[in-house]
Amino acid sequence: MKDFAAIDFEIANPNHTSVCSVGVVVVRDGIVADSYYSLIHPEPEWYLRRFTQIHGLTDEDTADAPIFPDVWREIEPLIEGLPLVAHNSPFDEGCLKAVFRMYGMDYPDYPFYCTCRASRRVFGKELPNHQLHTVAARCGYNLTNHHHALADAEACAWIAREIL
């Protein structure tokens, strides 16, 4: 796969609508052509401590952040016509569909590909697990800021170029 957009969401609480950050890496002809990161004001607007411990974001970080529709207006032209790739794509696709529904936006039915599933196919039992940082390392990528949406999207893009 040479043309795609890798995407990663972080959420504030167990609600898939509570996206609080997004990272996107656009790959064209196998080369990173663009990237995008934004904090997002989550809905519902509360953070579960367990989620903050994972990604480090709090309500103070996103209090003045734009809402999802405003962020998506910036992302949409970057990814137009591209398939989306995510590590554990059912999660990220689920978040995307949930916030589109919540804001009454028409979902354009983006095609999604999953680097986690691809890793299971390609590497099988060679790896102890198929978590993002493990697969990234196997593909030669050093993921140093795991659970930052842009860092995770960058790792996903690297993996996708290697195994999709």
Protein backbone atom coordinates (compact mmCIF):
# COMPACT_ATOMS: atom_id res chain seq x y z
CA MET A 1 0.00 0.00 0.00
CA LYS A 2 1.58 3.26 -1.12
CA ASP A 3 -1.21 5.80 -0.59
CA PHE A 4 -3.10 5.97 2.70
CA ALA A 5 -3.65 7.97 5.87
CA ALA A 6 -2.70 6.46 9.22
CA ILE A 7 -4.96 7.69 12.02
CA ASP A 8 -4.97 7.37 15.79
CA PHE A 9 -7.40 8.63 18.42
CA GLU A 10 -7.02 8.96 22.17
CA ILE A 11 -10.16 9.08 24.29
CA ALA A 12 -10.95 10.71 27.62
CA ASN A 13 -13.25 8.02 29.03
CA PRO A 14 -14.87 4.73 27.96
CA ASN A 15 -17.27 6.51 25.57
CA HIS A 16 -16.01 6.24 22.00
CA THR A 17 -17.33 9.76 21.41
CA SER A 18 -14.86 11.17 23.94
CA VAL A 19 -12.00 11.63 21.47
CA CYS A 20 -9.55 14.07 23.04
CA SER A 21 -6.75 13.97 20.47
CA VAL A 22 -6.12 12.80 16.93
CA GLY A 23 -3.00 12.16 14.90
CA VAL A 24 -2.97 11.66 11.13
CA VAL A 25 -0.05 10.78 8.88
CA VAL A 26 -0.63 10.99 5.13
CA VAL A 27 1.49 8.69 2.95
CA ARG A 28 1.65 9.17 -0.81
CA ASP A 29 3.80 7.00 -3.07
CA GLY A 30 5.17 5.35 0.06
CA ILE A 31 6.51 8.62 1.47
CA VAL A 32 5.13 10.65 4.37
CA ALA A 33 3.61 13.65 2.65
CA ASP A 34 1.81 15.37 5.53
CA SER A 35 0.85 15.02 9.17
CA TYR A 36 -1.70 16.56 11.47
CA TYR A 37 -2.25 16.62 15.24
CA SER A 38 -4.89 18.28 17.35
CA LEU A 39 -6.33 18.16 20.80
CA ILE A 40 -10.12 17.84 20.77
CA HIS A 41 -12.68 18.95 23.34
CA PRO A 42 -14.17 15.57 24.32
CA GLU A 43 -17.85 14.73 24.55
CA PRO A 44 -18.82 13.75 27.17
CA GLU A 45 -16.49 16.17 28.84
CA TRP A 46 -14.82 14.19 31.62
CA TYR A 47 -11.64 12.18 32.02
CA LEU A 48 -11.24 8.84 33.67
CA ARG A 49 -8.00 8.69 35.65
CA ARG A 50 -7.04 5.39 33.98
CA PHE A 51 -7.18 7.02 30.53
CA THR A 52 -5.19 10.05 31.68
CA GLN A 53 -2.54 7.68 33.04
CA ILE A 54 -2.25 6.14 29.57
CA HIS A 55 -1.99 9.26 27.41
CA GLY A 56 -1.32 12.03 29.92
CA LEU A 57 -4.16 14.31 28.79
CA THR A 58 -6.50 16.02 31.24
CA ASP A 59 -9.54 18.27 31.08
CA GLU A 60 -7.20 21.25 31.47
CA ASP A 61 -5.41 20.26 28.25
CA THR A 62 -8.58 20.15 26.20
CA ALA A 63 -10.77 22.76 27.91
CA ASP A 64 -10.17 25.28 25.11
CA ALA A 65 -9.59 22.74 22.32
CA PRO A 66 -11.84 22.74 19.25
CA ILE A 67 -14.76 20.35 19.02
CA PHE A 68 -14.55 17.35 16.68
CA PRO A 69 -16.42 18.81 13.66
CA ASP A 70 -13.99 21.76 13.56
CA VAL A 71 -10.98 19.45 13.71
CA TRP A 72 -12.42 17.11 11.08
CA ARG A 73 -12.90 20.03 8.66
CA GLU A 74 -9.11 20.41 8.74
CA ILE A 75 -8.41 16.68 8.39
CA GLU A 76 -10.92 15.90 5.65
CA PRO A 77 -9.04 17.57 2.76
CA LEU A 78 -5.78 15.90 3.82
CA ILE A 79 -7.23 12.39 3.61
CA GLU A 80 -9.62 12.82 0.69
CA GLY A 81 -9.68 9.71 -1.48
CA LEU A 82 -7.35 7.75 0.79
CA PRO A 83 -8.01 4.57 2.74
CA LEU A 84 -7.46 4.89 6.49
CA VAL A 85 -5.07 2.67 8.40
CA ALA A 86 -5.00 2.17 12.16
CA HIS A 87 -3.43 -0.24 14.61
CA ASN A 88 -6.46 -2.06 16.03
CA SER A 89 -8.69 -0.36 13.47
CA PRO A 90 -12.00 -1.46 15.06
CA PHE A 91 -11.23 0.94 17.93
CA ASP A 92 -10.31 3.95 15.79
CA GLU A 93 -13.04 3.30 13.24
CA GLY A 94 -15.51 2.91 16.11
CA CYS A 95 -14.45 6.26 17.56
CA LEU A 96 -14.73 7.96 14.18
CA LYS A 97 -18.20 6.57 13.51
CA ALA A 98 -19.35 7.41 17.05
CA VAL A 99 -18.35 11.08 16.87
CA PHE A 100 -19.80 11.42 13.38
CA ARG A 101 -23.11 10.06 14.73
CA MET A 102 -23.02 12.21 17.85
CA TYR A 103 -22.53 15.41 15.86
CA GLY A 104 -25.04 14.40 13.16
CA MET A 105 -22.37 14.35 10.47
CA ASP A 106 -22.70 12.20 7.34
CA TYR A 107 -20.12 9.42 7.57
CA PRO A 108 -18.39 8.90 4.20
CA ASP A 109 -17.75 5.19 4.85
CA TYR A 110 -13.97 5.37 4.86
CA PRO A 111 -12.26 2.08 4.02
CA PHE A 112 -10.16 0.98 7.02
CA TYR A 113 -7.17 -1.34 7.16
CA CYS A 114 -5.71 -2.76 10.35
CA THR A 115 -1.98 -3.08 10.98
CA CYS A 116 -2.64 -5.22 14.07
CA ARG A 117 -4.48 -7.83 12.00
CA ALA A 118 -1.81 -7.61 9.33
CA SER A 119 0.87 -8.15 11.98
CA ARG A 120 -0.86 -11.31 13.19
CA ARG A 121 -0.93 -12.57 9.59
CA VAL A 122 2.66 -11.62 8.75
CA PHE A 123 4.48 -12.25 12.03
CA GLY A 124 2.22 -14.79 13.74
CA LYS A 125 3.84 -16.29 16.84
CA GLU A 126 7.20 -14.71 16.05
CA LEU A 127 6.14 -11.80 18.29
CA PRO A 128 5.17 -12.07 21.98
CA ASN A 129 2.17 -9.80 21.24
CA HIS A 130 0.93 -7.56 18.47
CA GLN A 131 0.73 -4.31 20.40
CA LEU A 132 1.72 -1.19 18.51
CA HIS A 133 5.11 -0.70 20.17
CA THR A 134 6.04 -4.38 19.68
CA VAL A 135 5.11 -4.43 16.00
CA ALA A 136 6.75 -1.04 15.40
CA ALA A 137 10.01 -2.32 16.90
CA ARG A 138 9.83 -5.47 14.73
CA CYS A 139 9.43 -3.24 11.68
CA GLY A 140 12.43 -1.12 12.66
CA TYR A 141 10.59 1.87 14.12
CA ASN A 142 11.43 3.25 17.56
CA LEU A 143 8.14 4.41 19.11
CA THR A 144 9.32 6.76 21.85
CA ASN A 145 6.12 8.64 22.70
CA HIS A 146 3.56 5.82 22.77
CA HIS A 147 -0.06 6.95 23.31
CA HIS A 148 0.53 10.37 21.81
CA ALA A 149 -1.88 10.28 18.88
CA LEU A 150 0.58 11.62 16.31
CA ALA A 151 3.43 9.36 17.47
CA ASP A 152 1.12 6.36 17.28
CA ALA A 153 -0.10 7.38 13.81
CA GLU A 154 3.54 7.72 12.69
CA ALA A 155 4.33 4.23 13.99
CA CYS A 156 1.23 2.86 12.29
CA ALA A 157 2.23 4.48 8.99
CA TRP A 158 5.69 2.93 9.24
CA ILE A 159 4.21 -0.51 9.95
CA ALA A 160 1.71 -0.15 7.09
CA ARG A 161 4.51 0.68 4.64
CA GLU A 162 6.36 -2.42 5.80
CA ILE A 163 3.62 -5.06 5.89
CA LEU A 164 0.47 -3.89 4.07
